[in-house]
Amino acid sequence: RGPLQPAIGRSRVKKFTPYNTFLKVCNLYKSDIEDYKINILADKRLENSEIIDLEYAFWISFLNIINNAVYWIKKSEKPGEIRFFIENENFIISNSGPYINEELIDQIFNYGVTTRTEKNATGLGLAFTQSVLSRNNWSISAENRKNGPAFIIKKDNNG
């Protein structure tokens, strides 16, 4: 958390554009995105859409979701694509990677749950994402859609 604060500011509520935050996070994966020819599609309707909230929660969320998307797209044989758009007032990040195992899809936000095979895979990223979002009255879920997995970030009604 500490090392990211200079890049995104202190952990305080402020006005920001999730579209710009998404693109900044994608830029952290620029070499993989270029090397694997991953197409980034961000809904232009979000370009001027500002919210007043904790940008840090979105930064962490986008970082973990995009990190996973890049990882799985690199292992896939299909053309890579990461999409960011709004649907029913929810932020959606989807990708063209392989589907999430349906038996695990409701568990991927639990600590220690991962389908990565590397020794250093911890299953902490999405759990941390859910924790950071929930502390700020947001929720996250995942589902498999026609064109790949999608992560839905939704403002809780009580927030």
C-alpha atoms as a PDB file:
ATOM      1  CA  ARG A   1       0.000   0.000   0.000  1.00  0.00           C
ATOM      2  CA  GLY A   2       2.694   2.487   0.953  1.00  0.00           C
ATOM      3  CA  PRO A   3       4.750   2.308  -2.271  1.00  0.00           C
ATOM      4  CA  LEU A   4       1.656   2.948  -4.413  1.00  0.00           C
ATOM      5  CA  GLN A   5       0.583   6.091  -2.564  1.00  0.00           C
ATOM      6  CA  PRO A   6       2.963   8.454  -4.392  1.00  0.00           C
ATOM      7  CA  ALA A   7       1.484   7.274  -7.696  1.00  0.00           C
ATOM      8  CA  ILE A   8      -2.154   7.677  -6.689  1.00  0.00           C
ATOM      9  CA  GLY A   9      -2.091  10.122  -3.819  1.00  0.00           C
ATOM     10  CA  ARG A  10      -2.925   9.720  -0.186  1.00  0.00           C
ATOM     11  CA  SER A  11      -5.778   7.460   0.820  1.00  0.00           C
ATOM     12  CA  ARG A  12      -8.469  10.103   0.971  1.00  0.00           C
ATOM     13  CA  VAL A  13     -11.736  10.634  -0.815  1.00  0.00           C
ATOM     14  CA  LYS A  14     -11.386  12.892  -3.830  1.00  0.00           C
ATOM     15  CA  LYS A  15     -12.800  13.456  -7.298  1.00  0.00           C
ATOM     16  CA  PHE A  16     -11.204  11.225  -9.965  1.00  0.00           C
ATOM     17  CA  THR A  17     -11.950   9.590 -13.299  1.00  0.00           C
ATOM     18  CA  PRO A  18     -11.963   5.758 -13.151  1.00  0.00           C
ATOM     19  CA  TYR A  19     -11.295   5.756 -16.915  1.00  0.00           C
ATOM     20  CA  ASN A  20      -7.927   7.481 -16.351  1.00  0.00           C
ATOM     21  CA  THR A  21      -7.108   5.239 -13.393  1.00  0.00           C
ATOM     22  CA  PHE A  22      -7.802   2.178 -15.556  1.00  0.00           C
ATOM     23  CA  LEU A  23      -5.517   3.431 -18.338  1.00  0.00           C
ATOM     24  CA  LYS A  24      -2.726   4.288 -15.869  1.00  0.00           C
ATOM     25  CA  VAL A  25      -2.868   0.768 -14.450  1.00  0.00           C
ATOM     26  CA  CYS A  26      -2.844  -0.713 -17.966  1.00  0.00           C
ATOM     27  CA  ASN A  27       0.267   1.349 -18.658  1.00  0.00           C
ATOM     28  CA  LEU A  28       2.066  -0.607 -15.903  1.00  0.00           C
ATOM     29  CA  TYR A  29       1.664  -3.669 -18.150  1.00  0.00           C
ATOM     30  CA  LYS A  30       2.678  -1.845 -21.323  1.00  0.00           C
ATOM     31  CA  SER A  31       5.438  -4.269 -22.349  1.00  0.00           C
ATOM     32  CA  ASP A  32       3.241  -7.377 -21.920  1.00  0.00           C
ATOM     33  CA  ILE A  33       0.336  -5.627 -23.646  1.00  0.00           C
ATOM     34  CA  GLU A  34       2.585  -4.782 -26.599  1.00  0.00           C
ATOM     35  CA  ASP A  35       4.468  -8.116 -26.688  1.00  0.00           C
ATOM     36  CA  TYR A  36       1.286 -10.198 -26.602  1.00  0.00           C
ATOM     37  CA  LYS A  37      -0.708  -7.742 -28.760  1.00  0.00           C
ATOM     38  CA  ILE A  38      -3.408  -7.312 -26.122  1.00  0.00           C
ATOM     39  CA  ASN A  39      -6.031  -4.819 -27.226  1.00  0.00           C
ATOM     40  CA  ILE A  40      -7.277  -2.395 -24.553  1.00  0.00           C
ATOM     41  CA  LEU A  41     -10.834  -1.186 -25.086  1.00  0.00           C
ATOM     42  CA  ALA A  42     -12.053   1.516 -22.716  1.00  0.00           C
ATOM     43  CA  ASP A  43     -15.564   2.885 -23.171  1.00  0.00           C
ATOM     44  CA  LYS A  44     -15.195   6.511 -24.278  1.00  0.00           C
ATOM     45  CA  ARG A  45     -18.421   7.349 -22.415  1.00  0.00           C
ATOM     46  CA  LEU A  46     -16.387   6.963 -19.211  1.00  0.00           C
ATOM     47  CA  GLU A  47     -13.750   9.443 -20.332  1.00  0.00           C
ATOM     48  CA  ASN A  48     -15.350  12.390 -18.517  1.00  0.00           C
ATOM     49  CA  SER A  49     -17.169  10.401 -15.856  1.00  0.00           C
ATOM     50  CA  GLU A  50     -15.907  11.496 -12.452  1.00  0.00           C
ATOM     51  CA  ILE A  51     -16.702  10.030  -9.079  1.00  0.00           C
ATOM     52  CA  ILE A  52     -15.899  11.228  -5.591  1.00  0.00           C
ATOM     53  CA  ASP A  53     -14.426   8.296  -3.749  1.00  0.00           C
ATOM     54  CA  LEU A  54     -11.203   6.615  -2.693  1.00  0.00           C
ATOM     55  CA  GLU A  55      -9.127   6.211  -5.848  1.00  0.00           C
ATOM     56  CA  TYR A  56      -6.807   3.825  -4.032  1.00  0.00           C
ATOM     57  CA  ALA A  57      -9.596   1.205  -3.874  1.00  0.00           C
ATOM     58  CA  PHE A  58      -9.994   1.382  -7.651  1.00  0.00           C
ATOM     59  CA  TRP A  59      -6.256   1.420  -8.270  1.00  0.00           C
ATOM     60  CA  ILE A  60      -5.814  -1.804  -6.271  1.00  0.00           C
ATOM     61  CA  SER A  61      -8.865  -3.405  -7.898  1.00  0.00           C
ATOM     62  CA  PHE A  62      -7.825  -2.549 -11.435  1.00  0.00           C
ATOM     63  CA  LEU A  63      -4.256  -3.647 -10.711  1.00  0.00           C
ATOM     64  CA  ASN A  64      -5.290  -7.111  -9.541  1.00  0.00           C
ATOM     65  CA  ILE A  65      -7.923  -7.630 -12.240  1.00  0.00           C
ATOM     66  CA  ILE A  66      -5.621  -6.498 -15.054  1.00  0.00           C
ATOM     67  CA  ASN A  67      -2.703  -8.492 -13.642  1.00  0.00           C
ATOM     68  CA  ASN A  68      -4.847 -11.630 -13.756  1.00  0.00           C
ATOM     69  CA  ALA A  69      -6.199 -10.805 -17.218  1.00  0.00           C
ATOM     70  CA  VAL A  70      -2.698 -10.312 -18.648  1.00  0.00           C
ATOM     71  CA  TYR A  71      -1.498 -13.537 -16.991  1.00  0.00           C
ATOM     72  CA  TRP A  72      -4.338 -15.659 -18.427  1.00  0.00           C
ATOM     73  CA  ILE A  73      -4.329 -13.996 -21.856  1.00  0.00           C
ATOM     74  CA  LYS A  74      -0.604 -14.756 -22.161  1.00  0.00           C
ATOM     75  CA  LYS A  75      -1.441 -18.440 -21.577  1.00  0.00           C
ATOM     76  CA  SER A  76      -4.324 -18.375 -24.069  1.00  0.00           C
ATOM     77  CA  GLU A  77      -4.130 -18.907 -27.807  1.00  0.00           C
ATOM     78  CA  LYS A  78      -6.938 -16.449 -28.564  1.00  0.00           C
ATOM     79  CA  PRO A  79      -6.347 -12.796 -29.453  1.00  0.00           C
ATOM     80  CA  GLY A  80      -6.021 -10.795 -26.254  1.00  0.00           C
ATOM     81  CA  GLU A  81      -8.452  -8.100 -25.259  1.00  0.00           C
ATOM     82  CA  ILE A  82      -9.162  -6.285 -21.987  1.00  0.00           C
ATOM     83  CA  ARG A  83     -12.335  -4.193 -21.873  1.00  0.00           C
ATOM     84  CA  PHE A  84     -13.481  -1.504 -19.416  1.00  0.00           C
ATOM     85  CA  PHE A  85     -17.050  -0.240 -19.621  1.00  0.00           C
ATOM     86  CA  ILE A  86     -20.103   0.720 -17.607  1.00  0.00           C
ATOM     87  CA  GLU A  87     -23.255  -1.376 -17.436  1.00  0.00           C
ATOM     88  CA  ASN A  88     -26.252  -0.544 -15.226  1.00  0.00           C
ATOM     89  CA  GLU A  89     -24.093   1.941 -13.280  1.00  0.00           C
ATOM     90  CA  ASN A  90     -21.544  -0.817 -12.534  1.00  0.00           C
ATOM     91  CA  PHE A  91     -17.938  -0.789 -13.707  1.00  0.00           C
ATOM     92  CA  ILE A  92     -17.073  -3.887 -15.728  1.00  0.00           C
ATOM     93  CA  ILE A  93     -13.614  -5.151 -16.603  1.00  0.00           C
ATOM     94  CA  SER A  94     -13.708  -8.164 -18.879  1.00  0.00           C
ATOM     95  CA  ASN A  95     -11.125  -9.980 -20.943  1.00  0.00           C
ATOM     96  CA  SER A  96     -10.752 -12.574 -23.665  1.00  0.00           C
ATOM     97  CA  GLY A  97      -8.845 -15.031 -21.486  1.00  0.00           C
ATOM     98  CA  PRO A  98     -10.100 -18.479 -20.518  1.00  0.00           C
ATOM     99  CA  TYR A  99     -13.258 -18.828 -18.465  1.00  0.00           C
ATOM    100  CA  ILE A 100     -12.994 -19.029 -14.690  1.00  0.00           C
ATOM    101  CA  ASN A 101     -13.722 -22.526 -13.418  1.00  0.00           C
ATOM    102  CA  GLU A 102     -17.448 -22.448 -12.553  1.00  0.00           C
ATOM    103  CA  GLU A 103     -16.817 -24.502  -9.395  1.00  0.00           C
ATOM    104  CA  LEU A 104     -14.429 -21.791  -8.145  1.00  0.00           C
ATOM    105  CA  ILE A 105     -16.035 -18.616  -9.466  1.00  0.00           C
ATOM    106  CA  ASP A 106     -17.781 -17.826  -6.172  1.00  0.00           C
ATOM    107  CA  GLN A 107     -14.618 -18.602  -4.192  1.00  0.00           C
ATOM    108  CA  ILE A 108     -11.963 -16.643  -6.101  1.00  0.00           C
ATOM    109  CA  PHE A 109     -12.309 -13.703  -3.709  1.00  0.00           C
ATOM    110  CA  ASN A 110     -11.420 -15.893  -0.700  1.00  0.00           C
ATOM    111  CA  TYR A 111      -7.878 -15.769   0.668  1.00  0.00           C
ATOM    112  CA  GLY A 112      -5.638 -18.467  -0.744  1.00  0.00           C
ATOM    113  CA  VAL A 113      -7.863 -19.462  -3.684  1.00  0.00           C
ATOM    114  CA  THR A 114      -5.926 -19.495  -6.963  1.00  0.00           C
ATOM    115  CA  THR A 115      -5.799 -21.544 -10.125  1.00  0.00           C
ATOM    116  CA  ARG A 116      -2.271 -20.432 -10.973  1.00  0.00           C
ATOM    117  CA  THR A 117       0.262 -23.232 -10.795  1.00  0.00           C
ATOM    118  CA  GLU A 118       3.414 -21.282  -9.928  1.00  0.00           C
ATOM    119  CA  LYS A 119       4.912 -21.792  -6.467  1.00  0.00           C
ATOM    120  CA  ASN A 120       4.604 -18.093  -5.633  1.00  0.00           C
ATOM    121  CA  ALA A 121       0.873 -17.905  -6.487  1.00  0.00           C
ATOM    122  CA  THR A 122      -0.818 -16.809  -3.267  1.00  0.00           C
ATOM    123  CA  GLY A 123      -4.489 -16.220  -4.044  1.00  0.00           C
ATOM    124  CA  LEU A 124      -4.274 -12.914  -2.192  1.00  0.00           C
ATOM    125  CA  GLY A 125      -4.844 -10.387  -5.004  1.00  0.00           C
ATOM    126  CA  LEU A 126      -8.589 -10.738  -5.504  1.00  0.00           C
ATOM    127  CA  ALA A 127      -9.163 -11.269  -1.775  1.00  0.00           C
ATOM    128  CA  PHE A 128      -7.350  -8.002  -1.081  1.00  0.00           C
ATOM    129  CA  THR A 129      -9.322  -6.327  -3.877  1.00  0.00           C
ATOM    130  CA  GLN A 130     -12.625  -7.391  -2.321  1.00  0.00           C
ATOM    131  CA  SER A 131     -11.477  -6.255   1.116  1.00  0.00           C
ATOM    132  CA  VAL A 132     -10.385  -2.802  -0.082  1.00  0.00           C
ATOM    133  CA  LEU A 133     -13.601  -2.294  -2.053  1.00  0.00           C
ATOM    134  CA  SER A 134     -15.924  -3.477   0.730  1.00  0.00           C
ATOM    135  CA  ARG A 135     -14.330  -1.118   3.243  1.00  0.00           C
ATOM    136  CA  ASN A 136     -15.351   1.686   0.902  1.00  0.00           C
ATOM    137  CA  ASN A 137     -18.938   0.485   0.232  1.00  0.00           C
ATOM    138  CA  TRP A 138     -18.243  -1.252  -3.073  1.00  0.00           C
ATOM    139  CA  SER A 139     -18.571  -4.915  -3.982  1.00  0.00           C
ATOM    140  CA  ILE A 140     -17.000  -7.086  -6.651  1.00  0.00           C
ATOM    141  CA  SER A 141     -18.200 -10.249  -8.334  1.00  0.00           C
ATOM    142  CA  ALA A 142     -17.151 -12.318 -11.321  1.00  0.00           C
ATOM    143  CA  GLU A 143     -19.004 -14.158 -14.029  1.00  0.00           C
ATOM    144  CA  ASN A 144     -18.212 -15.870 -17.290  1.00  0.00           C
ATOM    145  CA  ARG A 145     -19.694 -14.144 -20.309  1.00  0.00           C
ATOM    146  CA  LYS A 146     -19.766 -15.033 -23.980  1.00  0.00           C
ATOM    147  CA  ASN A 147     -16.453 -13.275 -24.671  1.00  0.00           C
ATOM    148  CA  GLY A 148     -14.606 -14.263 -21.464  1.00  0.00           C
ATOM    149  CA  PRO A 149     -14.571 -13.575 -17.738  1.00  0.00           C
ATOM    150  CA  ALA A 150     -15.968 -10.300 -16.399  1.00  0.00           C
ATOM    151  CA  PHE A 151     -15.468  -8.557 -13.062  1.00  0.00           C
ATOM    152  CA  ILE A 152     -18.302  -6.337 -11.875  1.00  0.00           C
ATOM    153  CA  ILE A 153     -17.561  -3.496  -9.442  1.00  0.00           C
ATOM    154  CA  LYS A 154     -20.757  -2.182  -7.924  1.00  0.00           C
ATOM    155  CA  LYS A 155     -21.546   0.578  -5.422  1.00  0.00           C
ATOM    156  CA  ASP A 156     -23.327  -0.864  -2.399  1.00  0.00           C
ATOM    157  CA  ASN A 157     -26.741   0.626  -1.707  1.00  0.00           C
ATOM    158  CA  ASN A 158     -25.806   1.455   1.875  1.00  0.00           C
ATOM    159  CA  GLY A 159     -22.821   3.540   0.752  1.00  0.00           C
END
